[in-house]
Each structure stands twice: as C-alpha cells, then as structure tokens.
C-alpha cells in the first residue's frame, strides 16, 4: 500500500536532515584534521615551538638575575667616535676608562681626546647618564613595570637564533626606549637593542635612535658596542659610535684574600668606521 504524500514528504525531510547533520559533522572533522595536519606540518618544518611572550619575559628576568650575580669588578677601556652628517671622517674621538664595582657603582675617567671638543662634552654626558642608570637599575629594567612587550618574529643574529620583541614604554622618560630587542633563544640574554628614546632629552636634540650590542666578556654578559644617531640643531645629523677595546677584570683568588686581575682585549688596536654595528636581517 503506497504511503500518503505527506508521509513521503516527512521521510524525505528526515533523510535530508540526517544527511546535512552527517555532512556538517564530516566537515567539522575535516577542519580539525586539516588544522592538526597544519600544526604538525609546521612543527615538522621548524622542529621547535616558539614560547609565548610571557614565558620569554619570565626567562629573560631569570637570565638577567643570574648574569648580575656573576658580575665582578672591572675596568673597560672604551673608544668613542663622533661623526657629522657627511659620515666619512670622525669629527672627534675620545677614549675613556669606565670602572664598575658591583652592584651599581660606575665611575669614568677621560684618557684621551682628539678633534672637536664637542665629542668630549657628549661623551661625558653619556657616561654620567650611564652611571645614573646603573644606580637606578629597577626604573630602567626590562620589566612589566616599565614596558609592555609584543612578540614580533624569530631572527638570526651572528648565527644565533633569537626572539624579536617590541618594547612599548609605559612612561615618557629619556631612560626608556620604544624599541625592538633580540633575545637569545637559548640563554634568554639580550643580543641586540635597537630603538628610539621615549622622551627627547633636550631642545637641542631630537629623533634620537640608539643601538646596543651585547656579548660575553669573561663570563659576564655586557654591552660591548653602541651607536646613537640624532638630529642636532645647528650641527645637523650626528652619529656617536662606541666600542669596548679591553677589560681588566678583578676577582679574588680562591683560598685567599689576594686579588687577581685578568686582561681581556676585545678589539686591540683596530680602528672602526661609521656604521660599525651591522643590521640584522628582517
């Protein structure tokens, strides 16, 4: 006996509903499959997972604390060169000794100057500022109190895998910078710091961009070179480049109270030109 028309319609509707539900379920499983396959493929290609910005920041803080615990007294001989807008020859050259005693004492002595006296004036201000920052470490630290952090990408610096983070200063101060930092993916120590000062230091200077480079010095992780570029009223665009030449590192001799001094020369007798700090690939 044939079914009534309305019964056949209901059966068709039920069948269509089951088909759509099955199709949707299959589509959702396919989506999950492709997502999992994509993640697996990406993991297979990179062979590693990138930690979150929060984890990177936490490990950075731990690495900096461990490095500060390894600091010993030292005297660094540092060379500064001031270049004008033409950028070919240095207008001024200054050599200074900077003495550091943990945890926060820095004193400097100008050893030699050549060229314009402006270079010595600028270097003295740089070193005085450096001593002030050392005494107020907490106010300039790379912490959540001073900065917001944003993960940008991975990159290589001198063959080392790094995480690149953007720093967003929470306050407009001359000791804070809006910058990018390159964090070693193995040690979580800084390899590079590049950006602009959050607050213009004076009416005479604007558009200040700075770059710091870090490296190992006798088991301590220190800033070893820098470059600052600014537009200076009357003088125009100027660049100050610095590089550490040698270190005298003092430490107590095991089992006694005598002090042993190690001499470590980084760049003995080698002059360096403008643009000494190479730019990492984007």
Foldseek 3Di string as FASTA:
>chain_A
DDDDPVVVVVVVVVVVVVVVVVVVVVVVVVVVVVVVVVVVVVCVVVVDDDDDPVVLQVLLVVLVVVLLVVDFKKKFWKKKFKDFPVFDDTQKIWIKIWTDHPPQAIDMDTDDMDHDPVVVVVVVVVRVVSSVCSVVVVQQDPDPVFWDKDWDAWFDDPNFIWTKIFTDTPDQDQSYFGWIWTAGPPSSYTAKTWGFHSYFPDPFKDPKIKMWGWDDDPNHIDTFKMKIWIQGPPRGIMMMIMGTAKMWGWDADPPDRDIDTDIGGDHPPDDDGPPNPDDGDD
